[in-house]
Amino acid sequence: MAETAALLSDEVFPAVPIRQWVISFPFPLRYLFAAHPQAMGKVLGIVANFSGSLFTLPAGELGFAVGYEHREQDGFFQPDAVVVAGESAGVPSSATSGGYDVDEFFLELNIPILAEAPFANLLAP
């Protein structure tokens, strides 16, 4: 896997000052997996963001940002017979499973309207 990541980073993707790769589970899921190995889940996240300037207007550059995010999360919990019967020290529970998929898109524009006008500097963040 490290060789594939190195190939992608060095030869496929363009050179950028900062590139971050994160493959991780949230802390609540880490605890759940460690404490209850019969509880499992699948998490997938894909994120793509692009930003830049399109062209220059009289008041400044027209900036944009566009992006996409896809998330999938599925999981299940299968307690043993003692837990289901309520004969353990914990709360009785039954088997459960579920999941969801989400697709999100966004587009942002930074359109400069005023430049070097009275009180225009008050509009800047």
Protein backbone atom coordinates (compact mmCIF):
# COMPACT_ATOMS: atom_id res chain seq x y z
CA MET A 1 0.00 0.00 0.00
CA ALA A 2 2.86 2.40 0.77
CA GLU A 3 4.30 1.83 -2.71
CA THR A 4 0.95 2.69 -4.31
CA ALA A 5 0.69 5.86 -2.25
CA ALA A 6 4.25 6.83 -3.19
CA LEU A 7 3.52 6.21 -6.89
CA LEU A 8 0.37 8.35 -6.74
CA SER A 9 2.10 11.12 -4.81
CA ASP A 10 5.29 11.22 -6.89
CA GLU A 11 4.16 10.42 -10.42
CA VAL A 12 0.39 10.71 -10.86
CA PHE A 13 -0.84 13.72 -8.86
CA PRO A 14 0.55 17.18 -9.62
CA ALA A 15 3.12 18.68 -7.26
CA VAL A 16 1.54 20.87 -4.56
CA PRO A 17 3.08 22.53 -1.48
CA ILE A 18 0.94 20.53 0.97
CA ARG A 19 -0.81 17.19 0.50
CA GLN A 20 -2.60 15.43 3.33
CA TRP A 21 -3.82 11.83 3.39
CA VAL A 22 -5.84 10.59 6.36
CA ILE A 23 -7.13 7.07 6.85
CA SER A 24 -8.59 6.80 10.32
CA PHE A 25 -11.61 5.88 12.41
CA PRO A 26 -13.31 8.39 14.74
CA PHE A 27 -12.47 7.84 18.43
CA PRO A 28 -16.00 6.61 19.39
CA LEU A 29 -15.71 3.88 16.75
CA ARG A 30 -12.19 2.95 17.91
CA TYR A 31 -13.50 2.50 21.46
CA LEU A 32 -16.49 0.50 20.24
CA PHE A 33 -14.30 -1.83 18.15
CA ALA A 34 -11.90 -2.37 21.06
CA ALA A 35 -14.60 -2.94 23.69
CA HIS A 36 -17.05 -4.93 21.54
CA PRO A 37 -15.42 -6.86 18.70
CA GLN A 38 -18.85 -8.14 17.62
CA ALA A 39 -19.78 -4.56 16.64
CA MET A 40 -18.37 -3.67 13.25
CA GLY A 41 -18.85 -0.96 10.71
CA LYS A 42 -17.76 0.32 7.33
CA VAL A 43 -16.93 3.97 6.75
CA LEU A 44 -16.04 5.49 3.39
CA GLY A 45 -15.42 9.15 2.65
CA ILE A 46 -14.40 10.73 -0.65
CA VAL A 47 -13.72 14.48 -0.79
CA ALA A 48 -12.65 16.68 -3.72
CA ASN A 49 -12.19 20.47 -3.50
CA PHE A 50 -10.93 22.89 -6.14
CA SER A 51 -10.49 26.66 -5.89
CA GLY A 52 -8.86 29.51 -7.74
CA SER A 53 -9.49 32.67 -9.74
CA LEU A 54 -11.45 32.76 -12.98
CA PHE A 55 -10.65 36.25 -14.27
CA THR A 56 -10.12 39.82 -13.12
CA LEU A 57 -13.00 42.26 -12.70
CA PRO A 58 -12.60 46.04 -12.28
CA ALA A 59 -12.83 45.63 -8.46
CA GLY A 60 -10.56 42.56 -8.24
CA GLU A 61 -10.32 38.88 -9.11
CA LEU A 62 -13.41 36.68 -9.35
CA GLY A 63 -12.65 33.72 -7.11
CA PHE A 64 -14.38 30.36 -6.97
CA ALA A 65 -14.45 27.16 -4.97
CA VAL A 66 -16.20 23.95 -6.00
CA GLY A 67 -16.33 20.62 -4.27
CA TYR A 68 -17.88 17.21 -3.82
CA GLU A 69 -18.11 14.86 -0.86
CA HIS A 70 -19.44 11.30 -0.69
CA ARG A 71 -19.87 9.48 2.63
CA GLU A 72 -21.04 5.96 3.33
CA GLN A 73 -21.44 4.48 6.78
CA ASP A 74 -22.77 1.02 7.56
CA GLY A 75 -22.61 -0.94 10.76
CA PHE A 76 -24.05 -3.71 12.85
CA PHE A 77 -24.10 -4.91 16.44
CA GLN A 78 -24.60 -8.59 17.21
CA PRO A 79 -24.67 -9.23 20.97
CA ASP A 80 -24.26 -12.72 22.37
CA ALA A 81 -27.16 -14.73 23.84
CA VAL A 82 -26.37 -13.73 27.45
CA VAL A 83 -26.68 -10.00 26.64
CA VAL A 84 -29.88 -10.52 24.63
CA ALA A 85 -31.43 -12.45 27.53
CA GLY A 86 -30.51 -9.68 29.98
CA GLU A 87 -28.39 -11.99 32.12
CA SER A 88 -25.26 -9.86 31.97
CA ALA A 89 -24.18 -6.85 34.02
CA GLY A 90 -24.97 -4.56 31.07
CA VAL A 91 -28.26 -3.40 29.60
CA PRO A 92 -30.09 -6.06 27.55
CA SER A 93 -29.97 -5.31 23.84
CA SER A 94 -30.84 -7.00 20.59
CA ALA A 95 -29.09 -7.11 17.24
CA THR A 96 -29.22 -4.01 15.08
CA SER A 97 -27.81 -2.76 11.80
CA GLY A 98 -28.10 0.25 9.54
CA GLY A 99 -26.33 2.76 7.39
CA TYR A 100 -26.56 5.79 5.20
CA ASP A 101 -25.04 7.31 2.04
CA VAL A 102 -24.66 11.05 1.47
CA ASP A 103 -23.59 13.01 -1.64
CA GLU A 104 -22.86 16.73 -1.29
CA PHE A 105 -21.86 19.35 -3.86
CA PHE A 106 -20.97 23.00 -3.34
CA LEU A 107 -20.04 26.06 -5.38
CA GLU A 108 -18.81 29.33 -3.92
CA LEU A 109 -18.07 32.59 -5.70
CA ASN A 110 -16.10 35.55 -4.36
CA ILE A 111 -17.32 38.48 -6.47
CA PRO A 112 -15.62 41.81 -5.72
CA ILE A 113 -18.16 44.61 -6.11
CA LEU A 114 -16.36 47.68 -4.78
CA ALA A 115 -12.74 48.82 -4.91
CA GLU A 116 -11.24 52.03 -3.60
CA ALA A 117 -14.67 53.49 -2.83
CA PRO A 118 -15.59 55.36 0.37
CA PHE A 119 -16.36 52.91 3.23
CA ALA A 120 -15.53 49.88 0.99
CA ASN A 121 -12.86 48.70 3.41
CA LEU A 122 -15.63 48.12 5.99
CA LEU A 123 -17.05 45.35 3.79
CA ALA A 124 -13.88 43.25 3.97
CA PRO A 125 -13.82 40.35 6.46
